[in-house]
Amino acid sequence: KIQSHEMKNDGQIFEFLDGNKEALKSFHEWRAKLRELLFKVD
């Protein structure tokens, strides 16, 4: 999705962020969860 938006080069970054709020939120949730597991696993 991000790469497709970058290829358009239409400057509508705020519209993109608004339309993908849940996905961007999930990115940080996934990252926090996996970083914790990676630390515990070694």
PDB file of all heavy atoms in Angstrom:
ATOM      1  N   LYS A   1       0.828  -1.216   0.000  1.00  0.00           N
ATOM      2  CA  LYS A   1       0.000   0.000   0.000  1.00  0.00           C
ATOM      3  C   LYS A   1       0.858   1.259   0.000  1.00  0.00           C
ATOM      4  O   LYS A   1       0.614   2.204  -0.758  1.00  0.00           O
ATOM      5  CB  LYS A   1      -0.919   0.016   1.231  1.00  0.00           C
ATOM      6  CG  LYS A   1      -2.142  -0.865   1.123  1.00  0.00           C
ATOM      7  CD  LYS A   1      -3.009  -0.686   2.364  1.00  0.00           C
ATOM      8  CE  LYS A   1      -4.259  -1.552   2.293  1.00  0.00           C
ATOM      9  NZ  LYS A   1      -5.104  -1.366   3.511  1.00  0.00           N
ATOM     10  N   ILE A   2       1.869   1.286   0.868  1.00  0.00           N
ATOM     11  CA  ILE A   2       2.741   2.459   0.974  1.00  0.00           C
ATOM     12  C   ILE A   2       3.512   2.676  -0.317  1.00  0.00           C
ATOM     13  O   ILE A   2       3.618   3.807  -0.820  1.00  0.00           O
ATOM     14  CB  ILE A   2       3.703   2.318   2.168  1.00  0.00           C
ATOM     15  CG1 ILE A   2       2.919   2.323   3.478  1.00  0.00           C
ATOM     16  CG2 ILE A   2       4.740   3.434   2.172  1.00  0.00           C
ATOM     17  CD1 ILE A   2       3.756   2.027   4.707  1.00  0.00           C
ATOM     18  N   GLN A   3       4.037   1.598  -0.885  1.00  0.00           N
ATOM     19  CA  GLN A   3       4.795   1.718  -2.127  1.00  0.00           C
ATOM     20  C   GLN A   3       3.902   2.176  -3.281  1.00  0.00           C
ATOM     21  O   GLN A   3       4.322   2.977  -4.117  1.00  0.00           O
ATOM     22  CB  GLN A   3       5.469   0.388  -2.457  1.00  0.00           C
ATOM     23  CG  GLN A   3       6.605   0.046  -1.498  1.00  0.00           C
ATOM     24  CD  GLN A   3       7.223  -1.311  -1.770  1.00  0.00           C
ATOM     25  OE1 GLN A   3       6.667  -2.128  -2.499  1.00  0.00           O
ATOM     26  NE2 GLN A   3       8.378  -1.576  -1.181  1.00  0.00           N
ATOM     27  N   SER A   4       2.676   1.686  -3.322  1.00  0.00           N
ATOM     28  CA  SER A   4       1.726   2.117  -4.362  1.00  0.00           C
ATOM     29  C   SER A   4       1.418   3.598  -4.219  1.00  0.00           C
ATOM     30  O   SER A   4       1.336   4.332  -5.209  1.00  0.00           O
ATOM     31  CB  SER A   4       0.431   1.307  -4.273  1.00  0.00           C
ATOM     32  OG  SER A   4       0.674  -0.056  -4.472  1.00  0.00           O
ATOM     33  N   HIS A   5       1.256   4.049  -2.982  1.00  0.00           N
ATOM     34  CA  HIS A   5       0.985   5.473  -2.745  1.00  0.00           C
ATOM     35  C   HIS A   5       2.177   6.333  -3.148  1.00  0.00           C
ATOM     36  O   HIS A   5       2.017   7.417  -3.741  1.00  0.00           O
ATOM     37  CB  HIS A   5       0.659   5.704  -1.269  1.00  0.00           C
ATOM     38  CG  HIS A   5       0.461   7.143  -0.921  1.00  0.00           C
ATOM     39  ND1 HIS A   5       1.471   7.938  -0.427  1.00  0.00           N
ATOM     40  CD2 HIS A   5      -0.637   7.948  -1.041  1.00  0.00           C
ATOM     41  CE1 HIS A   5       1.015   9.152  -0.239  1.00  0.00           C
ATOM     42  NE2 HIS A   5      -0.265   9.195  -0.590  1.00  0.00           N
ATOM     43  N   GLU A   6       3.392   5.859  -2.828  1.00  0.00           N
ATOM     44  CA  GLU A   6       4.598   6.610  -3.189  1.00  0.00           C
ATOM     45  C   GLU A   6       4.760   6.716  -4.698  1.00  0.00           C
ATOM     46  O   GLU A   6       5.240   7.733  -5.212  1.00  0.00           O
ATOM     47  CB  GLU A   6       5.830   5.936  -2.574  1.00  0.00           C
ATOM     48  CG  GLU A   6       5.916   6.050  -1.067  1.00  0.00           C
ATOM     49  CD  GLU A   6       6.117   7.473  -0.590  1.00  0.00           C
ATOM     50  OE1 GLU A   6       6.905   8.204  -1.213  1.00  0.00           O
ATOM     51  OE2 GLU A   6       5.461   7.859   0.400  1.00  0.00           O
ATOM     52  N   MET A   7       4.351   5.666  -5.417  1.00  0.00           N
ATOM     53  CA  MET A   7       4.468   5.679  -6.875  1.00  0.00           C
ATOM     54  C   MET A   7       3.524   6.706  -7.510  1.00  0.00           C
ATOM     55  O   MET A   7       3.826   7.278  -8.558  1.00  0.00           O
ATOM     56  CB  MET A   7       4.177   4.285  -7.438  1.00  0.00           C
ATOM     57  CG  MET A   7       5.286   3.277  -7.144  1.00  0.00           C
ATOM     58  SD  MET A   7       4.869   1.602  -7.672  1.00  0.00           S
ATOM     59  CE  MET A   7       4.796   1.828  -9.441  1.00  0.00           C
ATOM     60  N   LYS A   8       2.386   6.963  -6.863  1.00  0.00           N
ATOM     61  CA  LYS A   8       1.437   7.966  -7.388  1.00  0.00           C
ATOM     62  C   LYS A   8       2.024   9.376  -7.318  1.00  0.00           C
ATOM     63  O   LYS A   8       1.765  10.206  -8.185  1.00  0.00           O
ATOM     64  CB  LYS A   8       0.131   7.925  -6.585  1.00  0.00           C
ATOM     65  CG  LYS A   8      -0.678   6.658  -6.795  1.00  0.00           C
ATOM     66  CD  LYS A   8      -1.927   6.696  -5.924  1.00  0.00           C
ATOM     67  CE  LYS A   8      -2.729   5.412  -6.053  1.00  0.00           C
ATOM     68  NZ  LYS A   8      -3.920   5.420  -5.153  1.00  0.00           N
ATOM     69  N   ASN A   9       2.795   9.609  -6.227  1.00  0.00           N
ATOM     70  CA  ASN A   9       3.452  10.908  -6.056  1.00  0.00           C
ATOM     71  C   ASN A   9       2.458  12.065  -6.166  1.00  0.00           C
ATOM     72  O   ASN A   9       2.724  13.090  -6.810  1.00  0.00           O
ATOM     73  CB  ASN A   9       4.572  11.072  -7.110  1.00  0.00           C
ATOM     74  CG  ASN A   9       5.556  12.168  -6.728  1.00  0.00           C
ATOM     75  OD1 ASN A   9       5.699  12.484  -5.557  1.00  0.00           O
ATOM     76  ND2 ASN A   9       6.215  12.737  -7.722  1.00  0.00           N
ATOM     77  N   ASP A  10       1.281  11.891  -5.524  1.00  0.00           N
ATOM     78  CA  ASP A  10       0.246  12.928  -5.617  1.00  0.00           C
ATOM     79  C   ASP A  10       0.241  13.869  -4.414  1.00  0.00           C
ATOM     80  O   ASP A  10      -0.557  14.813  -4.340  1.00  0.00           O
ATOM     81  CB  ASP A  10      -1.142  12.282  -5.747  1.00  0.00           C
ATOM     82  CG  ASP A  10      -1.442  11.309  -4.602  1.00  0.00           C
ATOM     83  OD1 ASP A  10      -0.631  11.265  -3.653  1.00  0.00           O
ATOM     84  OD2 ASP A  10      -2.466  10.619  -4.661  1.00  0.00           O
ATOM     85  N   GLY A  11       1.125  13.608  -3.452  1.00  0.00           N
ATOM     86  CA  GLY A  11       1.231  14.505  -2.307  1.00  0.00           C
ATOM     87  C   GLY A  11       0.101  14.395  -1.306  1.00  0.00           C
ATOM     88  O   GLY A  11       0.035  15.185  -0.353  1.00  0.00           O
ATOM     89  N   GLN A  12      -0.795  13.443  -1.494  1.00  0.00           N
ATOM     90  CA  GLN A  12      -1.942  13.292  -0.586  1.00  0.00           C
ATOM     91  C   GLN A  12      -1.592  12.398   0.607  1.00  0.00           C
ATOM     92  O   GLN A  12      -2.248  11.407   0.890  1.00  0.00           O
ATOM     93  CB  GLN A  12      -3.132  12.694  -1.363  1.00  0.00           C
ATOM     94  CG  GLN A  12      -3.558  13.476  -2.584  1.00  0.00           C
ATOM     95  CD  GLN A  12      -4.047  14.870  -2.209  1.00  0.00           C
ATOM     96  OE1 GLN A  12      -4.726  15.045  -1.218  1.00  0.00           O
ATOM     97  NE2 GLN A  12      -3.699  15.849  -3.030  1.00  0.00           N
ATOM     98  N   ILE A  13      -0.545  12.782   1.325  1.00  0.00           N
ATOM     99  CA  ILE A  13      -0.066  11.945   2.427  1.00  0.00           C
ATOM    100  C   ILE A  13      -1.047  11.906   3.595  1.00  0.00           C
ATOM    101  O   ILE A  13      -1.257  10.863   4.218  1.00  0.00           O
ATOM    102  CB  ILE A  13       1.326  12.426   2.917  1.00  0.00           C
ATOM    103  CG1 ILE A  13       1.869  11.494   4.002  1.00  0.00           C
ATOM    104  CG2 ILE A  13       1.262  13.858   3.416  1.00  0.00           C
ATOM    105  CD1 ILE A  13       2.140  10.108   3.550  1.00  0.00           C
ATOM    106  N   PHE A  14      -1.701  13.040   3.878  1.00  0.00           N
ATOM    107  CA  PHE A  14      -2.625  13.067   5.009  1.00  0.00           C
ATOM    108  C   PHE A  14      -3.865  12.221   4.749  1.00  0.00           C
ATOM    109  O   PHE A  14      -4.396  11.586   5.654  1.00  0.00           O
ATOM    110  CB  PHE A  14      -3.025  14.505   5.333  1.00  0.00           C
ATOM    111  CG  PHE A  14      -1.870  15.342   5.838  1.00  0.00           C
ATOM    112  CD1 PHE A  14      -1.289  16.304   5.028  1.00  0.00           C
ATOM    113  CD2 PHE A  14      -1.350  15.131   7.110  1.00  0.00           C
ATOM    114  CE1 PHE A  14      -0.216  17.062   5.488  1.00  0.00           C
ATOM    115  CE2 PHE A  14      -0.281  15.877   7.576  1.00  0.00           C
ATOM    116  CZ  PHE A  14       0.295  16.850   6.759  1.00  0.00           C
ATOM    117  N   GLU A  15      -4.326  12.220   3.498  1.00  0.00           N
ATOM    118  CA  GLU A  15      -5.458  11.369   3.143  1.00  0.00           C
ATOM    119  C   GLU A  15      -5.086   9.898   3.293  1.00  0.00           C
ATOM    120  O   GLU A  15      -5.885   9.078   3.760  1.00  0.00           O
ATOM    121  CB  GLU A  15      -5.915  11.651   1.711  1.00  0.00           C
ATOM    122  CG  GLU A  15      -6.670  12.956   1.530  1.00  0.00           C
ATOM    123  CD  GLU A  15      -5.743  14.165   1.472  1.00  0.00           C
ATOM    124  OE1 GLU A  15      -4.508  13.988   1.632  1.00  0.00           O
ATOM    125  OE2 GLU A  15      -6.255  15.283   1.291  1.00  0.00           O
ATOM    126  N   PHE A  16      -3.858   9.573   2.911  1.00  0.00           N
ATOM    127  CA  PHE A  16      -3.394   8.186   3.033  1.00  0.00           C
ATOM    128  C   PHE A  16      -3.317   7.778   4.506  1.00  0.00           C
ATOM    129  O   PHE A  16      -3.745   6.685   4.887  1.00  0.00           O
ATOM    130  CB  PHE A  16      -2.016   8.034   2.375  1.00  0.00           C
ATOM    131  CG  PHE A  16      -1.445   6.648   2.489  1.00  0.00           C
ATOM    132  CD1 PHE A  16      -1.829   5.644   1.611  1.00  0.00           C
ATOM    133  CD2 PHE A  16      -0.541   6.330   3.508  1.00  0.00           C
ATOM    134  CE1 PHE A  16      -1.315   4.353   1.730  1.00  0.00           C
ATOM    135  CE2 PHE A  16      -0.026   5.049   3.623  1.00  0.00           C
ATOM    136  CZ  PHE A  16      -0.417   4.065   2.733  1.00  0.00           C
ATOM    137  N   LEU A  17      -2.757   8.652   5.329  1.00  0.00           N
ATOM    138  CA  LEU A  17      -2.647   8.354   6.759  1.00  0.00           C
ATOM    139  C   LEU A  17      -4.024   8.179   7.396  1.00  0.00           C
ATOM    140  O   LEU A  17      -4.229   7.278   8.213  1.00  0.00           O
ATOM    141  CB  LEU A  17      -1.891   9.485   7.470  1.00  0.00           C
ATOM    142  CG  LEU A  17      -0.404   9.634   7.129  1.00  0.00           C
ATOM    143  CD1 LEU A  17       0.170  10.878   7.799  1.00  0.00           C
ATOM    144  CD2 LEU A  17       0.375   8.407   7.543  1.00  0.00           C
ATOM    145  N   ASP A  18      -4.965   9.038   6.991  1.00  0.00           N
ATOM    146  CA  ASP A  18      -6.317   8.954   7.547  1.00  0.00           C
ATOM    147  C   ASP A  18      -7.017   7.665   7.117  1.00  0.00           C
ATOM    148  O   ASP A  18      -7.754   7.057   7.899  1.00  0.00           O
ATOM    149  CB  ASP A  18      -7.128  10.170   7.094  1.00  0.00           C
ATOM    150  CG  ASP A  18      -8.482  10.233   7.789  1.00  0.00           C
ATOM    151  OD1 ASP A  18      -8.500  10.295   9.028  1.00  0.00           O
ATOM    152  OD2 ASP A  18      -9.506  10.185   7.075  1.00  0.00           O
ATOM    153  N   GLY A  19      -6.768   7.244   5.896  1.00  0.00           N
ATOM    154  CA  GLY A  19      -7.423   6.047   5.373  1.00  0.00           C
ATOM    155  C   GLY A  19      -6.817   4.743   5.884  1.00  0.00           C
ATOM    156  O   GLY A  19      -7.412   3.671   5.735  1.00  0.00           O
ATOM    157  N   ASN A  20      -5.623   4.830   6.469  1.00  0.00           N
ATOM    158  CA  ASN A  20      -4.939   3.614   6.936  1.00  0.00           C
ATOM    159  C   ASN A  20      -4.543   3.725   8.414  1.00  0.00           C
ATOM    160  O   ASN A  20      -3.525   3.161   8.837  1.00  0.00           O
ATOM    161  CB  ASN A  20      -3.682   3.364   6.084  1.00  0.00           C
ATOM    162  CG  ASN A  20      -4.017   3.029   4.646  1.00  0.00           C
ATOM    163  OD1 ASN A  20      -4.282   1.888   4.304  1.00  0.00           O
ATOM    164  ND2 ASN A  20      -3.989   4.050   3.790  1.00  0.00           N
ATOM    165  N   LYS A  21      -5.366   4.425   9.185  1.00  0.00           N
ATOM    166  CA  LYS A  21      -5.069   4.619  10.607  1.00  0.00           C
ATOM    167  C   LYS A  21      -4.949   3.292  11.356  1.00  0.00           C
ATOM    168  O   LYS A  21      -4.034   3.089  12.155  1.00  0.00           O
ATOM    169  CB  LYS A  21      -6.156   5.489  11.255  1.00  0.00           C
ATOM    170  CG  LYS A  21      -6.076   6.960  10.901  1.00  0.00           C
ATOM    171  CD  LYS A  21      -7.068   7.776  11.715  1.00  0.00           C
ATOM    172  CE  LYS A  21      -8.495   7.382  11.398  1.00  0.00           C
ATOM    173  NZ  LYS A  21      -9.478   8.283  12.068  1.00  0.00           N
ATOM    174  N   GLU A  22      -5.890   2.382  11.095  1.00  0.00           N
ATOM    175  CA  GLU A  22      -5.894   1.108  11.818  1.00  0.00           C
ATOM    176  C   GLU A  22      -4.665   0.266  11.483  1.00  0.00           C
ATOM    177  O   GLU A  22      -4.065  -0.365  12.360  1.00  0.00           O
ATOM    178  CB  GLU A  22      -7.173   0.328  11.500  1.00  0.00           C
ATOM    179  CG  GLU A  22      -8.431   0.941  12.079  1.00  0.00           C
ATOM    180  CD  GLU A  22      -8.366   1.076  13.592  1.00  0.00           C
ATOM    181  OE1 GLU A  22      -7.876   0.129  14.246  1.00  0.00           O
ATOM    182  OE2 GLU A  22      -8.792   2.108  14.115  1.00  0.00           O
ATOM    183  N   ALA A  23      -4.293   0.259  10.197  1.00  0.00           N
ATOM    184  CA  ALA A  23      -3.127  -0.524   9.775  1.00  0.00           C
ATOM    185  C   ALA A  23      -1.845   0.038  10.389  1.00  0.00           C
ATOM    186  O   ALA A  23      -0.969  -0.724  10.837  1.00  0.00           O
ATOM    187  CB  ALA A  23      -3.021  -0.530   8.256  1.00  0.00           C
ATOM    188  N   LEU A  24      -1.736   1.369  10.441  1.00  0.00           N
ATOM    189  CA  LEU A  24      -0.545   1.995  11.011  1.00  0.00           C
ATOM    190  C   LEU A  24      -0.486   1.769  12.529  1.00  0.00           C
ATOM    191  O   LEU A  24       0.601   1.570  13.094  1.00  0.00           O
ATOM    192  CB  LEU A  24      -0.540   3.495  10.708  1.00  0.00           C
ATOM    193  CG  LEU A  24      -0.440   3.842   9.215  1.00  0.00           C
ATOM    194  CD1 LEU A  24      -0.611   5.332   9.001  1.00  0.00           C
ATOM    195  CD2 LEU A  24       0.884   3.371   8.636  1.00  0.00           C
ATOM    196  N   LYS A  25      -1.633   1.777  13.165  1.00  0.00           N
ATOM    197  CA  LYS A  25      -1.695   1.474  14.602  1.00  0.00           C
ATOM    198  C   LYS A  25      -1.283   0.024  14.850  1.00  0.00           C
ATOM    199  O   LYS A  25      -0.523  -0.276  15.783  1.00  0.00           O
ATOM    200  CB  LYS A  25      -3.103   1.729  15.124  1.00  0.00           C
ATOM    201  CG  LYS A  25      -3.272   1.420  16.605  1.00  0.00           C
ATOM    202  CD  LYS A  25      -4.723   1.613  17.050  1.00  0.00           C
ATOM    203  CE  LYS A  25      -4.902   1.210  18.507  1.00  0.00           C
ATOM    204  NZ  LYS A  25      -6.316   1.318  18.943  1.00  0.00           N
ATOM    205  N   SER A  26      -1.793  -0.881  14.003  1.00  0.00           N
ATOM    206  CA  SER A  26      -1.456  -2.306  14.139  1.00  0.00           C
ATOM    207  C   SER A  26       0.032  -2.543  13.936  1.00  0.00           C
ATOM    208  O   SER A  26       0.615  -3.438  14.561  1.00  0.00           O
ATOM    209  CB  SER A  26      -2.254  -3.131  13.124  1.00  0.00           C
ATOM    210  OG  SER A  26      -3.631  -3.074  13.399  1.00  0.00           O
ATOM    211  N   PHE A  27       0.660  -1.744  13.060  1.00  0.00           N
ATOM    212  CA  PHE A  27       2.097  -1.885  12.825  1.00  0.00           C
ATOM    213  C   PHE A  27       2.870  -1.730  14.134  1.00  0.00           C
ATOM    214  O   PHE A  27       3.753  -2.535  14.454  1.00  0.00           O
ATOM    215  CB  PHE A  27       2.574  -0.842  11.805  1.00  0.00           C
ATOM    216  CG  PHE A  27       4.067  -0.741  11.701  1.00  0.00           C
ATOM    217  CD1 PHE A  27       4.782  -1.618  10.892  1.00  0.00           C
ATOM    218  CD2 PHE A  27       4.777   0.220  12.427  1.00  0.00           C
ATOM    219  CE1 PHE A  27       6.175  -1.538  10.804  1.00  0.00           C
ATOM    220  CE2 PHE A  27       6.161   0.300  12.342  1.00  0.00           C
ATOM    221  CZ  PHE A  27       6.858  -0.579  11.531  1.00  0.00           C
ATOM    222  N   HIS A  28       2.544  -0.700  14.887  1.00  0.00           N
ATOM    223  CA  HIS A  28       3.260  -0.444  16.145  1.00  0.00           C
ATOM    224  C   HIS A  28       2.916  -1.490  17.208  1.00  0.00           C
ATOM    225  O   HIS A  28       3.777  -1.860  18.017  1.00  0.00           O
ATOM    226  CB  HIS A  28       2.932   0.962  16.643  1.00  0.00           C
ATOM    227  CG  HIS A  28       3.445   2.046  15.742  1.00  0.00           C
ATOM    228  ND1 HIS A  28       4.794   2.336  15.631  1.00  0.00           N
ATOM    229  CD2 HIS A  28       2.805   2.883  14.880  1.00  0.00           C
ATOM    230  CE1 HIS A  28       4.965   3.313  14.758  1.00  0.00           C
ATOM    231  NE2 HIS A  28       3.776   3.663  14.286  1.00  0.00           N
ATOM    232  N   GLU A  29       1.680  -1.974  17.200  1.00  0.00           N
ATOM    233  CA  GLU A  29       1.290  -3.019  18.160  1.00  0.00           C
ATOM    234  C   GLU A  29       2.028  -4.319  17.859  1.00  0.00           C
ATOM    235  O   GLU A  29       2.541  -4.985  18.769  1.00  0.00           O
ATOM    236  CB  GLU A  29      -0.220  -3.239  18.097  1.00  0.00           C
ATOM    237  CG  GLU A  29      -1.024  -2.075  18.665  1.00  0.00           C
ATOM    238  CD  GLU A  29      -2.512  -2.244  18.454  1.00  0.00           C
ATOM    239  OE1 GLU A  29      -2.906  -3.167  17.685  1.00  0.00           O
ATOM    240  OE2 GLU A  29      -3.290  -1.467  19.041  1.00  0.00           O
ATOM    241  N   TRP A  30       2.074  -4.697  16.574  1.00  0.00           N
ATOM    242  CA  TRP A  30       2.792  -5.900  16.164  1.00  0.00           C
ATOM    243  C   TRP A  30       4.282  -5.780  16.521  1.00  0.00           C
ATOM    244  O   TRP A  30       4.900  -6.722  17.035  1.00  0.00           O
ATOM    245  CB  TRP A  30       2.649  -6.125  14.666  1.00  0.00           C
ATOM    246  CG  TRP A  30       1.483  -6.944  14.246  1.00  0.00           C
ATOM    247  CD1 TRP A  30       0.409  -6.534  13.512  1.00  0.00           C
ATOM    248  CD2 TRP A  30       1.262  -8.328  14.525  1.00  0.00           C
ATOM    249  NE1 TRP A  30      -0.469  -7.577  13.314  1.00  0.00           N
ATOM    250  CE2 TRP A  30       0.032  -8.683  13.922  1.00  0.00           C
ATOM    251  CE3 TRP A  30       1.971  -9.302  15.219  1.00  0.00           C
ATOM    252  CZ2 TRP A  30      -0.492  -9.972  13.995  1.00  0.00           C
ATOM    253  CZ3 TRP A  30       1.455 -10.579  15.298  1.00  0.00           C
ATOM    254  CH2 TRP A  30       0.240 -10.896  14.692  1.00  0.00           C
ATOM    255  N   ARG A  31       4.854  -4.620  16.225  1.00  0.00           N
ATOM    256  CA  ARG A  31       6.286  -4.409  16.466  1.00  0.00           C
ATOM    257  C   ARG A  31       6.619  -4.549  17.948  1.00  0.00           C
ATOM    258  O   ARG A  31       7.597  -5.214  18.318  1.00  0.00           O
ATOM    259  CB  ARG A  31       6.692  -3.028  15.955  1.00  0.00           C
ATOM    260  CG  ARG A  31       8.177  -2.709  16.140  1.00  0.00           C
ATOM    261  CD  ARG A  31       8.555  -1.411  15.451  1.00  0.00           C
ATOM    262  NE  ARG A  31       9.955  -1.112  15.701  1.00  0.00           N
ATOM    263  CZ  ARG A  31      10.399  -0.369  16.726  1.00  0.00           C
ATOM    264  NH1 ARG A  31       9.524   0.152  17.575  1.00  0.00           N
ATOM    265  NH2 ARG A  31      11.686  -0.151  16.888  1.00  0.00           N
ATOM    266  N   ALA A  32       5.797  -3.959  18.816  1.00  0.00           N
ATOM    267  CA  ALA A  32       6.038  -4.045  20.252  1.00  0.00           C
ATOM    268  C   ALA A  32       5.933  -5.486  20.745  1.00  0.00           C
ATOM    269  O   ALA A  32       6.778  -5.947  21.534  1.00  0.00           O
ATOM    270  CB  ALA A  32       5.034  -3.160  20.985  1.00  0.00           C
ATOM    271  N   LYS A  33       4.935  -6.203  20.266  1.00  0.00           N
ATOM    272  CA  LYS A  33       4.732  -7.591  20.686  1.00  0.00           C
ATOM    273  C   LYS A  33       5.888  -8.485  20.237  1.00  0.00           C
ATOM    274  O   LYS A  33       6.422  -9.277  21.032  1.00  0.00           O
ATOM    275  CB  LYS A  33       3.416  -8.112  20.107  1.00  0.00           C
ATOM    276  CG  LYS A  33       3.145  -9.578  20.400  1.00  0.00           C
ATOM    277  CD  LYS A  33       1.851 -10.031  19.753  1.00  0.00           C
ATOM    278  CE  LYS A  33       1.607 -11.516  20.001  1.00  0.00           C
ATOM    279  NZ  LYS A  33       0.342 -11.978  19.371  1.00  0.00           N
ATOM    280  N   LEU A  34       6.298  -8.342  18.991  1.00  0.00           N
ATOM    281  CA  LEU A  34       7.344  -9.206  18.449  1.00  0.00           C
ATOM    282  C   LEU A  34       8.719  -8.870  19.031  1.00  0.00           C
ATOM    283  O   LEU A  34       9.544  -9.761  19.224  1.00  0.00           O
ATOM    284  CB  LEU A  34       7.376  -9.090  16.921  1.00  0.00           C
ATOM    285  CG  LEU A  34       6.220  -9.798  16.215  1.00  0.00           C
ATOM    286  CD1 LEU A  34       6.103  -9.333  14.765  1.00  0.00           C
ATOM    287  CD2 LEU A  34       6.409 -11.312  16.263  1.00  0.00           C
ATOM    288  N   ARG A  35       8.966  -7.593  19.302  1.00  0.00           N
ATOM    289  CA  ARG A  35      10.242  -7.213  19.927  1.00  0.00           C
ATOM    290  C   ARG A  35      10.362  -7.827  21.324  1.00  0.00           C
ATOM    291  O   ARG A  35      11.437  -8.287  21.722  1.00  0.00           O
ATOM    292  CB  ARG A  35      10.360  -5.682  20.003  1.00  0.00           C
ATOM    293  CG  ARG A  35      10.819  -5.055  18.696  1.00  0.00           C
ATOM    294  CD  ARG A  35      10.657  -3.539  18.742  1.00  0.00           C
ATOM    295  NE  ARG A  35      11.480  -2.936  19.772  1.00  0.00           N
ATOM    296  CZ  ARG A  35      12.756  -2.572  19.614  1.00  0.00           C
ATOM    297  NH1 ARG A  35      13.365  -2.776  18.454  1.00  0.00           N
ATOM    298  NH2 ARG A  35      13.422  -1.996  20.599  1.00  0.00           N
ATOM    299  N   GLU A  36       9.265  -7.847  22.054  1.00  0.00           N
ATOM    300  CA  GLU A  36       9.271  -8.456  23.388  1.00  0.00           C
ATOM    301  C   GLU A  36       9.530  -9.959  23.301  1.00  0.00           C
ATOM    302  O   GLU A  36      10.349 -10.503  24.050  1.00  0.00           O
ATOM    303  CB  GLU A  36       7.938  -8.197  24.088  1.00  0.00           C
ATOM    304  CG  GLU A  36       7.864  -8.781  25.489  1.00  0.00           C
ATOM    305  CD  GLU A  36       6.524  -8.579  26.163  1.00  0.00           C
ATOM    306  OE1 GLU A  36       5.658  -7.903  25.573  1.00  0.00           O
ATOM    307  OE2 GLU A  36       6.332  -9.113  27.275  1.00  0.00           O
ATOM    308  N   LEU A  37       8.839 -10.622  22.369  1.00  0.00           N
ATOM    309  CA  LEU A  37       9.035 -12.063  22.203  1.00  0.00           C
ATOM    310  C   LEU A  37      10.463 -12.381  21.754  1.00  0.00           C
ATOM    311  O   LEU A  37      11.074 -13.343  22.229  1.00  0.00           O
ATOM    312  CB  LEU A  37       8.038 -12.613  21.182  1.00  0.00           C
ATOM    313  CG  LEU A  37       6.607 -12.822  21.671  1.00  0.00           C
ATOM    314  CD1 LEU A  37       5.685 -13.154  20.502  1.00  0.00           C
ATOM    315  CD2 LEU A  37       6.550 -13.930  22.716  1.00  0.00           C
ATOM    316  N   LEU A  38      10.996 -11.558  20.850  1.00  0.00           N
ATOM    317  CA  LEU A  38      12.361 -11.772  20.354  1.00  0.00           C
ATOM    318  C   LEU A  38      13.370 -11.642  21.491  1.00  0.00           C
ATOM    319  O   LEU A  38      14.324 -12.419  21.573  1.00  0.00           O
ATOM    320  CB  LEU A  38      12.678 -10.762  19.249  1.00  0.00           C
ATOM    321  CG  LEU A  38      14.017 -10.942  18.532  1.00  0.00           C
ATOM    322  CD1 LEU A  38      14.048 -12.267  17.774  1.00  0.00           C
ATOM    323  CD2 LEU A  38      14.276  -9.784  17.578  1.00  0.00           C
ATOM    324  N   PHE A  39      13.136 -10.685  22.377  1.00  0.00           N
ATOM    325  CA  PHE A  39      14.031 -10.500  23.525  1.00  0.00           C
ATOM    326  C   PHE A  39      13.965 -11.700  24.467  1.00  0.00           C
ATOM    327  O   PHE A  39      14.991 -12.180  24.962  1.00  0.00           O
ATOM    328  CB  PHE A  39      13.644  -9.219  24.275  1.00  0.00           C
ATOM    329  CG  PHE A  39      14.434  -8.999  25.536  1.00  0.00           C
ATOM    330  CD1 PHE A  39      15.725  -8.493  25.486  1.00  0.00           C
ATOM    331  CD2 PHE A  39      13.897  -9.310  26.779  1.00  0.00           C
ATOM    332  CE1 PHE A  39      16.463  -8.299  26.646  1.00  0.00           C
ATOM    333  CE2 PHE A  39      14.623  -9.131  27.938  1.00  0.00           C
ATOM    334  CZ  PHE A  39      15.912  -8.616  27.881  1.00  0.00           C
ATOM    335  N   LYS A  40      12.762 -12.195  24.724  1.00  0.00           N
ATOM    336  CA  LYS A  40      12.589 -13.314  25.653  1.00  0.00           C
ATOM    337  C   LYS A  40      13.142 -14.619  25.080  1.00  0.00           C
ATOM    338  O   LYS A  40      13.696 -15.448  25.801  1.00  0.00           O
ATOM    339  CB  LYS A  40      11.105 -13.496  25.984  1.00  0.00           C
ATOM    340  CG  LYS A  40      10.538 -12.403  26.872  1.00  0.00           C
ATOM    341  CD  LYS A  40       9.067 -12.639  27.156  1.00  0.00           C
ATOM    342  CE  LYS A  40       8.505 -11.588  28.106  1.00  0.00           C
ATOM    343  NZ  LYS A  40       7.053 -11.782  28.364  1.00  0.00           N
ATOM    344  N   VAL A  41      12.990 -14.802  23.772  1.00  0.00           N
ATOM    345  CA  VAL A  41      13.447 -16.044  23.134  1.00  0.00           C
ATOM    346  C   VAL A  41      14.968 -16.105  23.064  1.00  0.00           C
ATOM    347  O   VAL A  41      15.563 -17.166  23.244  1.00  0.00           O
ATOM    348  CB  VAL A  41      12.847 -16.169  21.710  1.00  0.00           C
ATOM    349  CG1 VAL A  41      13.545 -17.260  20.930  1.00  0.00           C
ATOM    350  CG2 VAL A  41      11.364 -16.461  21.781  1.00  0.00           C
ATOM    351  N   ASP A  42      15.601 -14.968  22.818  1.00  0.00           N
ATOM    352  CA  ASP A  42      17.038 -14.883  22.527  1.00  0.00           C
ATOM    353  C   ASP A  42      17.234 -15.182  21.044  1.00  0.00           C
ATOM    354  O   ASP A  42      17.038 -16.312  20.578  1.00  0.00           O
ATOM    355  CB  ASP A  42      17.872 -15.826  23.388  1.00  0.00           C
ATOM    356  CG  ASP A  42      19.367 -15.675  23.126  1.00  0.00           C
ATOM    357  OD1 ASP A  42      19.740 -14.847  22.272  1.00  0.00           O
ATOM    358  OD2 ASP A  42      20.161 -16.372  23.766  1.00  0.00           O
TER     359      ASP A  42
END
